[in-house]
């Protein structure tokens, strides 16, 4: 949703998040006349990312074409903020502006690393975001030292700081 805000110049109130469990529809846009255009494909983000980088050119891909006869359902749900707590932060970040989207993205990268490590990533993400939200002119987040790929500097305590300019 942060990308939609900046790439298409829309206000946060114009962005609606829809959960699509099958991951066949990668994006949808509703126009003033109420018609909807959607980008559909295999549940694989390589294609939408490739298109974003190659636009307006369509490059050949090794991704299996979508077979509509194999697609059983296309279902949609309202997002559950308990399941998707980052949505609240994303709305806050785009409303606040400045470097807040950068701070949220960095906190999310750390949360993903913690998730794969099997630790409490939801709390860590909220804690990183909240601790650094007050200083929106600097993109800095506190991260556990053990996540060396995200650590900067040589502090001896249990936390490091990731700074993105």
C-alpha atoms as a PDB file:
ATOM      1  CA  UNK A   1       0.000   0.000   0.000  1.00  0.00           C
ATOM      2  CA  UNK A   2       2.945   2.317   0.568  1.00  0.00           C
ATOM      3  CA  UNK A   3       4.005   1.695  -3.029  1.00  0.00           C
ATOM      4  CA  UNK A   4       0.506   2.526  -4.270  1.00  0.00           C
ATOM      5  CA  UNK A   5       0.605   5.805  -2.373  1.00  0.00           C
ATOM      6  CA  UNK A   6       3.832   6.968  -3.984  1.00  0.00           C
ATOM      7  CA  UNK A   7       3.749   5.276  -7.400  1.00  0.00           C
ATOM      8  CA  UNK A   8       0.210   6.374  -8.242  1.00  0.00           C
ATOM      9  CA  UNK A   9      -0.097   9.544  -6.161  1.00  0.00           C
ATOM     10  CA  UNK A  10      -3.217   8.434  -4.309  1.00  0.00           C
ATOM     11  CA  UNK A  11      -4.228   9.414  -0.800  1.00  0.00           C
ATOM     12  CA  UNK A  12      -4.234   6.805   1.986  1.00  0.00           C
ATOM     13  CA  UNK A  13      -8.035   7.056   2.151  1.00  0.00           C
ATOM     14  CA  UNK A  14      -8.181   5.873  -1.479  1.00  0.00           C
ATOM     15  CA  UNK A  15      -6.243   2.655  -0.769  1.00  0.00           C
ATOM     16  CA  UNK A  16      -8.076  -0.441   0.348  1.00  0.00           C
ATOM     17  CA  UNK A  17      -6.230  -3.605   1.304  1.00  0.00           C
ATOM     18  CA  UNK A  18      -7.924  -6.848   0.268  1.00  0.00           C
ATOM     19  CA  UNK A  19      -6.673 -10.281   1.356  1.00  0.00           C
ATOM     20  CA  UNK A  20      -6.731 -12.779  -1.513  1.00  0.00           C
ATOM     21  CA  UNK A  21      -5.619 -16.159  -0.098  1.00  0.00           C
ATOM     22  CA  UNK A  22      -5.012 -17.805  -3.495  1.00  0.00           C
ATOM     23  CA  UNK A  23      -2.452 -15.102  -4.479  1.00  0.00           C
ATOM     24  CA  UNK A  24      -3.554 -15.253  -8.133  1.00  0.00           C
ATOM     25  CA  UNK A  25      -4.508 -11.572  -8.333  1.00  0.00           C
ATOM     26  CA  UNK A  26      -1.416  -9.482  -7.682  1.00  0.00           C
ATOM     27  CA  UNK A  27      -3.001  -6.052  -8.005  1.00  0.00           C
ATOM     28  CA  UNK A  28      -6.356  -4.440  -8.774  1.00  0.00           C
ATOM     29  CA  UNK A  29      -7.379  -0.911  -9.605  1.00  0.00           C
ATOM     30  CA  UNK A  30     -10.933   0.384  -9.541  1.00  0.00           C
ATOM     31  CA  UNK A  31     -11.605   3.320 -11.836  1.00  0.00           C
ATOM     32  CA  UNK A  32     -14.054   6.209 -11.590  1.00  0.00           C
ATOM     33  CA  UNK A  33     -16.586   4.300 -13.697  1.00  0.00           C
ATOM     34  CA  UNK A  34     -16.423   1.432 -11.117  1.00  0.00           C
ATOM     35  CA  UNK A  35     -14.732  -0.977 -13.535  1.00  0.00           C
ATOM     36  CA  UNK A  36     -11.806  -2.984 -12.134  1.00  0.00           C
ATOM     37  CA  UNK A  37      -8.609  -4.031 -13.882  1.00  0.00           C
ATOM     38  CA  UNK A  38      -6.516  -6.766 -12.286  1.00  0.00           C
ATOM     39  CA  UNK A  39      -3.119  -8.310 -12.906  1.00  0.00           C
ATOM     40  CA  UNK A  40      -3.417 -12.099 -12.546  1.00  0.00           C
ATOM     41  CA  UNK A  41      -0.769 -14.797 -12.631  1.00  0.00           C
ATOM     42  CA  UNK A  42       0.704 -17.746 -10.818  1.00  0.00           C
ATOM     43  CA  UNK A  43       1.106 -17.246  -7.058  1.00  0.00           C
ATOM     44  CA  UNK A  44       4.710 -16.194  -7.642  1.00  0.00           C
ATOM     45  CA  UNK A  45       5.911 -12.625  -7.140  1.00  0.00           C
ATOM     46  CA  UNK A  46       8.649 -12.923  -9.761  1.00  0.00           C
ATOM     47  CA  UNK A  47       6.235 -11.937 -12.548  1.00  0.00           C
ATOM     48  CA  UNK A  48       4.804  -8.744 -10.982  1.00  0.00           C
ATOM     49  CA  UNK A  49       8.315  -7.706  -9.934  1.00  0.00           C
ATOM     50  CA  UNK A  50       9.688  -8.421 -13.425  1.00  0.00           C
ATOM     51  CA  UNK A  51       6.902  -6.359 -14.969  1.00  0.00           C
ATOM     52  CA  UNK A  52       7.536  -3.503 -12.560  1.00  0.00           C
ATOM     53  CA  UNK A  53      11.190  -3.413 -13.637  1.00  0.00           C
ATOM     54  CA  UNK A  54      10.581  -3.903 -17.363  1.00  0.00           C
ATOM     55  CA  UNK A  55       7.464  -1.726 -17.825  1.00  0.00           C
ATOM     56  CA  UNK A  56       6.215  -1.008 -20.436  1.00  0.00           C
ATOM     57  CA  UNK A  57       8.050  -3.915 -22.085  1.00  0.00           C
ATOM     58  CA  UNK A  58       6.823  -7.470 -21.483  1.00  0.00           C
ATOM     59  CA  UNK A  59       9.762  -9.864 -21.161  1.00  0.00           C
ATOM     60  CA  UNK A  60       9.681 -13.602 -21.747  1.00  0.00           C
ATOM     61  CA  UNK A  61       9.448 -15.597 -18.529  1.00  0.00           C
ATOM     62  CA  UNK A  62       9.926 -19.201 -17.451  1.00  0.00           C
ATOM     63  CA  UNK A  63       6.928 -18.979 -15.114  1.00  0.00           C
ATOM     64  CA  UNK A  64       4.163 -21.429 -15.987  1.00  0.00           C
ATOM     65  CA  UNK A  65       1.188 -19.618 -17.604  1.00  0.00           C
ATOM     66  CA  UNK A  66      -1.950 -19.349 -15.501  1.00  0.00           C
ATOM     67  CA  UNK A  67      -4.501 -22.016 -16.440  1.00  0.00           C
ATOM     68  CA  UNK A  68      -7.960 -20.675 -15.608  1.00  0.00           C
ATOM     69  CA  UNK A  69      -9.397 -24.202 -15.624  1.00  0.00           C
ATOM     70  CA  UNK A  70      -7.062 -25.124 -12.746  1.00  0.00           C
ATOM     71  CA  UNK A  71      -8.018 -22.086 -10.657  1.00  0.00           C
ATOM     72  CA  UNK A  72     -10.759 -23.303  -8.347  1.00  0.00           C
ATOM     73  CA  UNK A  73     -11.655 -20.144  -6.466  1.00  0.00           C
ATOM     74  CA  UNK A  74     -10.883 -16.468  -6.265  1.00  0.00           C
ATOM     75  CA  UNK A  75     -11.869 -15.370  -2.777  1.00  0.00           C
ATOM     76  CA  UNK A  76     -11.403 -12.100  -0.943  1.00  0.00           C
ATOM     77  CA  UNK A  77     -11.389 -11.133   2.723  1.00  0.00           C
ATOM     78  CA  UNK A  78     -11.113  -7.980   4.761  1.00  0.00           C
ATOM     79  CA  UNK A  79      -7.721  -7.866   6.482  1.00  0.00           C
ATOM     80  CA  UNK A  80      -7.592  -8.980  10.109  1.00  0.00           C
ATOM     81  CA  UNK A  81      -5.447  -6.402  11.920  1.00  0.00           C
ATOM     82  CA  UNK A  82      -4.588  -9.025  14.559  1.00  0.00           C
ATOM     83  CA  UNK A  83      -3.135 -11.260  11.830  1.00  0.00           C
ATOM     84  CA  UNK A  84      -1.640  -8.388   9.829  1.00  0.00           C
ATOM     85  CA  UNK A  85      -0.475  -5.787  12.386  1.00  0.00           C
ATOM     86  CA  UNK A  86       1.818  -4.113   9.863  1.00  0.00           C
ATOM     87  CA  UNK A  87      -1.228  -2.670   8.074  1.00  0.00           C
ATOM     88  CA  UNK A  88      -1.849  -0.310  10.972  1.00  0.00           C
ATOM     89  CA  UNK A  89       1.780   0.812  10.847  1.00  0.00           C
ATOM     90  CA  UNK A  90       1.650   1.216   7.060  1.00  0.00           C
ATOM     91  CA  UNK A  91      -1.383   3.517   7.256  1.00  0.00           C
ATOM     92  CA  UNK A  92       0.361   5.507  10.007  1.00  0.00           C
ATOM     93  CA  UNK A  93       3.590   5.699   7.998  1.00  0.00           C
ATOM     94  CA  UNK A  94       1.988   7.026   4.822  1.00  0.00           C
ATOM     95  CA  UNK A  95      -0.103   9.536   6.776  1.00  0.00           C
ATOM     96  CA  UNK A  96       2.954  10.755   8.712  1.00  0.00           C
ATOM     97  CA  UNK A  97       5.182  10.877   5.635  1.00  0.00           C
ATOM     98  CA  UNK A  98       8.852  11.774   5.835  1.00  0.00           C
ATOM     99  CA  UNK A  99      11.035   8.730   6.377  1.00  0.00           C
ATOM    100  CA  UNK A 100       8.331   6.777   8.208  1.00  0.00           C
ATOM    101  CA  UNK A 101       7.758   4.403   5.264  1.00  0.00           C
ATOM    102  CA  UNK A 102      11.527   3.766   5.230  1.00  0.00           C
ATOM    103  CA  UNK A 103      11.526   3.082   8.967  1.00  0.00           C
ATOM    104  CA  UNK A 104       8.585   0.707   8.612  1.00  0.00           C
ATOM    105  CA  UNK A 105      10.260  -1.125   5.734  1.00  0.00           C
ATOM    106  CA  UNK A 106      13.477  -1.540   7.725  1.00  0.00           C
ATOM    107  CA  UNK A 107      11.543  -2.757  10.788  1.00  0.00           C
ATOM    108  CA  UNK A 108       9.693  -5.211   8.558  1.00  0.00           C
ATOM    109  CA  UNK A 109      12.969  -6.583   7.152  1.00  0.00           C
ATOM    110  CA  UNK A 110      14.122  -7.275  10.699  1.00  0.00           C
ATOM    111  CA  UNK A 111      10.751  -8.848  11.554  1.00  0.00           C
ATOM    112  CA  UNK A 112      11.058 -11.193   8.555  1.00  0.00           C
ATOM    113  CA  UNK A 113      14.536 -12.251   9.686  1.00  0.00           C
ATOM    114  CA  UNK A 114      13.197 -12.857  13.210  1.00  0.00           C
ATOM    115  CA  UNK A 115      10.262 -14.847  11.800  1.00  0.00           C
ATOM    116  CA  UNK A 116      12.650 -17.177   9.959  1.00  0.00           C
ATOM    117  CA  UNK A 117      14.666 -17.438  13.160  1.00  0.00           C
ATOM    118  CA  UNK A 118      11.524 -18.511  15.045  1.00  0.00           C
ATOM    119  CA  UNK A 119      11.367 -15.595  17.482  1.00  0.00           C
ATOM    120  CA  UNK A 120       8.604 -13.147  18.417  1.00  0.00           C
ATOM    121  CA  UNK A 121       8.724 -11.122  15.220  1.00  0.00           C
ATOM    122  CA  UNK A 122       5.375  -9.345  15.672  1.00  0.00           C
ATOM    123  CA  UNK A 123       6.440  -7.755  18.955  1.00  0.00           C
ATOM    124  CA  UNK A 124       9.918  -6.986  17.584  1.00  0.00           C
ATOM    125  CA  UNK A 125       8.437  -5.273  14.540  1.00  0.00           C
ATOM    126  CA  UNK A 126       6.068  -3.135  16.601  1.00  0.00           C
ATOM    127  CA  UNK A 127       8.822  -2.333  19.106  1.00  0.00           C
ATOM    128  CA  UNK A 128      11.298  -1.331  16.356  1.00  0.00           C
ATOM    129  CA  UNK A 129       8.686   0.776  14.595  1.00  0.00           C
ATOM    130  CA  UNK A 130       7.429   2.517  17.746  1.00  0.00           C
ATOM    131  CA  UNK A 131      10.935   3.159  19.147  1.00  0.00           C
ATOM    132  CA  UNK A 132      12.005   4.845  15.952  1.00  0.00           C
ATOM    133  CA  UNK A 133       8.752   6.533  14.924  1.00  0.00           C
ATOM    134  CA  UNK A 134       9.475   9.603  17.024  1.00  0.00           C
ATOM    135  CA  UNK A 135      12.495  10.499  14.913  1.00  0.00           C
ATOM    136  CA  UNK A 136      11.046  10.442  11.396  1.00  0.00           C
ATOM    137  CA  UNK A 137      13.896  12.478   9.893  1.00  0.00           C
ATOM    138  CA  UNK A 138      16.300   9.559  10.432  1.00  0.00           C
ATOM    139  CA  UNK A 139      15.760   6.044   9.182  1.00  0.00           C
ATOM    140  CA  UNK A 140      17.226   4.084  12.071  1.00  0.00           C
ATOM    141  CA  UNK A 141      15.933   0.980  13.763  1.00  0.00           C
ATOM    142  CA  UNK A 142      17.092  -1.068  16.693  1.00  0.00           C
ATOM    143  CA  UNK A 143      17.834  -4.661  15.768  1.00  0.00           C
ATOM    144  CA  UNK A 144      19.087  -7.707  17.671  1.00  0.00           C
ATOM    145  CA  UNK A 145      22.858  -8.104  17.330  1.00  0.00           C
ATOM    146  CA  UNK A 146      22.546 -11.745  16.264  1.00  0.00           C
ATOM    147  CA  UNK A 147      21.016 -10.576  12.979  1.00  0.00           C
ATOM    148  CA  UNK A 148      24.464  -9.681  11.686  1.00  0.00           C
ATOM    149  CA  UNK A 149      23.239  -9.100   8.133  1.00  0.00           C
ATOM    150  CA  UNK A 150      21.232  -6.165   9.477  1.00  0.00           C
ATOM    151  CA  UNK A 151      23.794  -4.876  11.989  1.00  0.00           C
ATOM    152  CA  UNK A 152      25.921  -1.798  11.503  1.00  0.00           C
ATOM    153  CA  UNK A 153      28.797  -0.641  13.679  1.00  0.00           C
ATOM    154  CA  UNK A 154      30.562  -2.593  16.397  1.00  0.00           C
ATOM    155  CA  UNK A 155      28.559  -2.032  19.576  1.00  0.00           C
ATOM    156  CA  UNK A 156      29.152  -4.646  22.251  1.00  0.00           C
ATOM    157  CA  UNK A 157      25.621  -4.562  23.655  1.00  0.00           C
ATOM    158  CA  UNK A 158      22.811  -6.803  22.441  1.00  0.00           C
ATOM    159  CA  UNK A 159      21.461  -4.307  19.950  1.00  0.00           C
ATOM    160  CA  UNK A 160      22.816  -2.620  16.873  1.00  0.00           C
ATOM    161  CA  UNK A 161      21.441   0.165  14.726  1.00  0.00           C
ATOM    162  CA  UNK A 162      20.630  -0.073  11.049  1.00  0.00           C
ATOM    163  CA  UNK A 163      20.835   3.306   9.377  1.00  0.00           C
ATOM    164  CA  UNK A 164      19.599   3.963   5.876  1.00  0.00           C
ATOM    165  CA  UNK A 165      20.183   7.389   4.325  1.00  0.00           C
END
